[in-house]
Amino acid sequence: MWTGIAGAIVNGGSAIEIALSVHDSVYSTDFASDCIPYYSNDSEKSAIEIEKHVVQTLKKFSKEHLCKFLGAGVALALLREV
């Protein structure tokens, strides 16, 4: 399985919406979108929160569907934010 990861700042800069799209290289099979806290004055803390959320979500999906992730793509806009 593969995943695409994107994010956008929402709620006046107090949260970031993280979206994950899971696909098997041909078809999109699932997606998730959640808002987590965003710390505009502490990019390292925000990056840690995003990392924890993404890893937790992918681990949960992997266990529920008995699959392994081979790779991930991260949207450039998310990389620029954090």
C-alpha atoms as a PDB file:
ATOM      1  CA  MET A   1       0.000   0.000   0.000  1.00  0.00           C
ATOM      2  CA  TRP A   2       0.987   3.594  -0.513  1.00  0.00           C
ATOM      3  CA  THR A   3      -0.167   6.775   1.180  1.00  0.00           C
ATOM      4  CA  GLY A   4      -0.365  10.424   0.302  1.00  0.00           C
ATOM      5  CA  ILE A   5      -0.144  12.994   3.087  1.00  0.00           C
ATOM      6  CA  ALA A   6      -1.344  16.597   2.880  1.00  0.00           C
ATOM      7  CA  GLY A   7      -2.115  19.335   5.363  1.00  0.00           C
ATOM      8  CA  ALA A   8      -3.561  22.809   5.686  1.00  0.00           C
ATOM      9  CA  ILE A   9      -3.743  25.268   8.543  1.00  0.00           C
ATOM     10  CA  VAL A  10      -7.322  25.844   9.740  1.00  0.00           C
ATOM     11  CA  ASN A  11      -9.253  27.493  12.581  1.00  0.00           C
ATOM     12  CA  GLY A  12      -7.370  30.768  12.375  1.00  0.00           C
ATOM     13  CA  GLY A  13      -3.981  29.107  12.727  1.00  0.00           C
ATOM     14  CA  SER A  14      -4.743  27.087  15.868  1.00  0.00           C
ATOM     15  CA  ALA A  15      -5.021  23.704  14.125  1.00  0.00           C
ATOM     16  CA  ILE A  16      -3.755  21.875  11.101  1.00  0.00           C
ATOM     17  CA  GLU A  17      -5.906  19.469   9.126  1.00  0.00           C
ATOM     18  CA  ILE A  18      -3.954  16.377   8.117  1.00  0.00           C
ATOM     19  CA  ALA A  19      -5.347  14.247   5.297  1.00  0.00           C
ATOM     20  CA  LEU A  20      -4.130  10.762   4.418  1.00  0.00           C
ATOM     21  CA  SER A  21      -5.089   8.911   1.258  1.00  0.00           C
ATOM     22  CA  VAL A  22      -4.341   5.191   1.045  1.00  0.00           C
ATOM     23  CA  HIS A  23      -4.043   3.476  -2.316  1.00  0.00           C
ATOM     24  CA  ASP A  24      -2.715   0.266  -3.822  1.00  0.00           C
ATOM     25  CA  SER A  25      -0.855   2.070  -6.649  1.00  0.00           C
ATOM     26  CA  VAL A  26      -3.942   1.859  -8.873  1.00  0.00           C
ATOM     27  CA  TYR A  27      -7.062   2.501  -6.797  1.00  0.00           C
ATOM     28  CA  SER A  28      -7.686   4.727  -3.802  1.00  0.00           C
ATOM     29  CA  THR A  29      -8.855   2.421  -1.031  1.00  0.00           C
ATOM     30  CA  ASP A  30      -9.362   4.688   1.989  1.00  0.00           C
ATOM     31  CA  PHE A  31      -8.780   8.146   3.393  1.00  0.00           C
ATOM     32  CA  ALA A  32      -8.742   9.957   6.722  1.00  0.00           C
ATOM     33  CA  SER A  33      -8.817  13.613   7.666  1.00  0.00           C
ATOM     34  CA  ASP A  34      -8.278  14.956  11.191  1.00  0.00           C
ATOM     35  CA  CYS A  35      -7.493  18.287  12.823  1.00  0.00           C
ATOM     36  CA  ILE A  36      -4.660  18.381  15.336  1.00  0.00           C
ATOM     37  CA  PRO A  37      -3.159  21.290  17.308  1.00  0.00           C
ATOM     38  CA  TYR A  38      -0.806  23.612  15.411  1.00  0.00           C
ATOM     39  CA  TYR A  39       1.830  25.712  17.168  1.00  0.00           C
ATOM     40  CA  SER A  40       2.779  28.550  14.835  1.00  0.00           C
ATOM     41  CA  ASN A  41       5.592  29.715  17.126  1.00  0.00           C
ATOM     42  CA  ASP A  42       7.050  26.212  17.632  1.00  0.00           C
ATOM     43  CA  SER A  43       7.454  24.361  14.335  1.00  0.00           C
ATOM     44  CA  GLU A  44       9.326  21.462  15.954  1.00  0.00           C
ATOM     45  CA  LYS A  45       6.445  20.773  18.352  1.00  0.00           C
ATOM     46  CA  SER A  46       3.996  20.916  15.434  1.00  0.00           C
ATOM     47  CA  ALA A  47       6.160  18.525  13.406  1.00  0.00           C
ATOM     48  CA  ILE A  48       6.251  16.047  16.294  1.00  0.00           C
ATOM     49  CA  GLU A  49       2.448  16.170  16.648  1.00  0.00           C
ATOM     50  CA  ILE A  50       1.989  15.628  12.903  1.00  0.00           C
ATOM     51  CA  GLU A  51       4.466  12.736  12.903  1.00  0.00           C
ATOM     52  CA  LYS A  52       2.754  11.022  15.854  1.00  0.00           C
ATOM     53  CA  HIS A  53      -0.666  11.406  14.240  1.00  0.00           C
ATOM     54  CA  VAL A  54       0.438  10.069  10.839  1.00  0.00           C
ATOM     55  CA  VAL A  55       2.332   7.081  12.265  1.00  0.00           C
ATOM     56  CA  GLN A  56      -0.529   6.196  14.629  1.00  0.00           C
ATOM     57  CA  THR A  57      -3.102   6.385  11.815  1.00  0.00           C
ATOM     58  CA  LEU A  58      -1.024   4.265   9.419  1.00  0.00           C
ATOM     59  CA  LYS A  59      -0.253   1.645  12.086  1.00  0.00           C
ATOM     60  CA  LYS A  60      -3.943   1.350  12.918  1.00  0.00           C
ATOM     61  CA  PHE A  61      -4.876   0.946   9.238  1.00  0.00           C
ATOM     62  CA  SER A  62      -2.091  -1.595   8.720  1.00  0.00           C
ATOM     63  CA  LYS A  63      -3.253  -3.745  11.658  1.00  0.00           C
ATOM     64  CA  GLU A  64      -6.934  -3.561  10.723  1.00  0.00           C
ATOM     65  CA  HIS A  65      -6.360  -4.467   7.070  1.00  0.00           C
ATOM     66  CA  LEU A  66      -3.301  -6.734   7.441  1.00  0.00           C
ATOM     67  CA  CYS A  67      -1.201  -4.757   4.997  1.00  0.00           C
ATOM     68  CA  LYS A  68       2.191  -3.107   4.791  1.00  0.00           C
ATOM     69  CA  PHE A  69       3.001   0.374   3.507  1.00  0.00           C
ATOM     70  CA  LEU A  70       5.742   0.603   0.908  1.00  0.00           C
ATOM     71  CA  GLY A  71       5.955   4.360   0.596  1.00  0.00           C
ATOM     72  CA  ALA A  72       4.453   7.766   1.230  1.00  0.00           C
ATOM     73  CA  GLY A  73       4.251  11.018  -0.610  1.00  0.00           C
ATOM     74  CA  VAL A  74       4.041  14.314   1.247  1.00  0.00           C
ATOM     75  CA  ALA A  75       2.492  17.409  -0.313  1.00  0.00           C
ATOM     76  CA  LEU A  76       4.942  20.264  -0.749  1.00  0.00           C
ATOM     77  CA  ALA A  77       2.548  22.685   0.980  1.00  0.00           C
ATOM     78  CA  LEU A  78       2.710  20.591   4.181  1.00  0.00           C
ATOM     79  CA  LEU A  79       6.505  20.489   4.075  1.00  0.00           C
ATOM     80  CA  ARG A  80       6.612  24.278   3.766  1.00  0.00           C
ATOM     81  CA  GLU A  81       4.276  24.785   6.740  1.00  0.00           C
ATOM     82  CA  VAL A  82       6.296  22.783   9.241  1.00  0.00           C
END
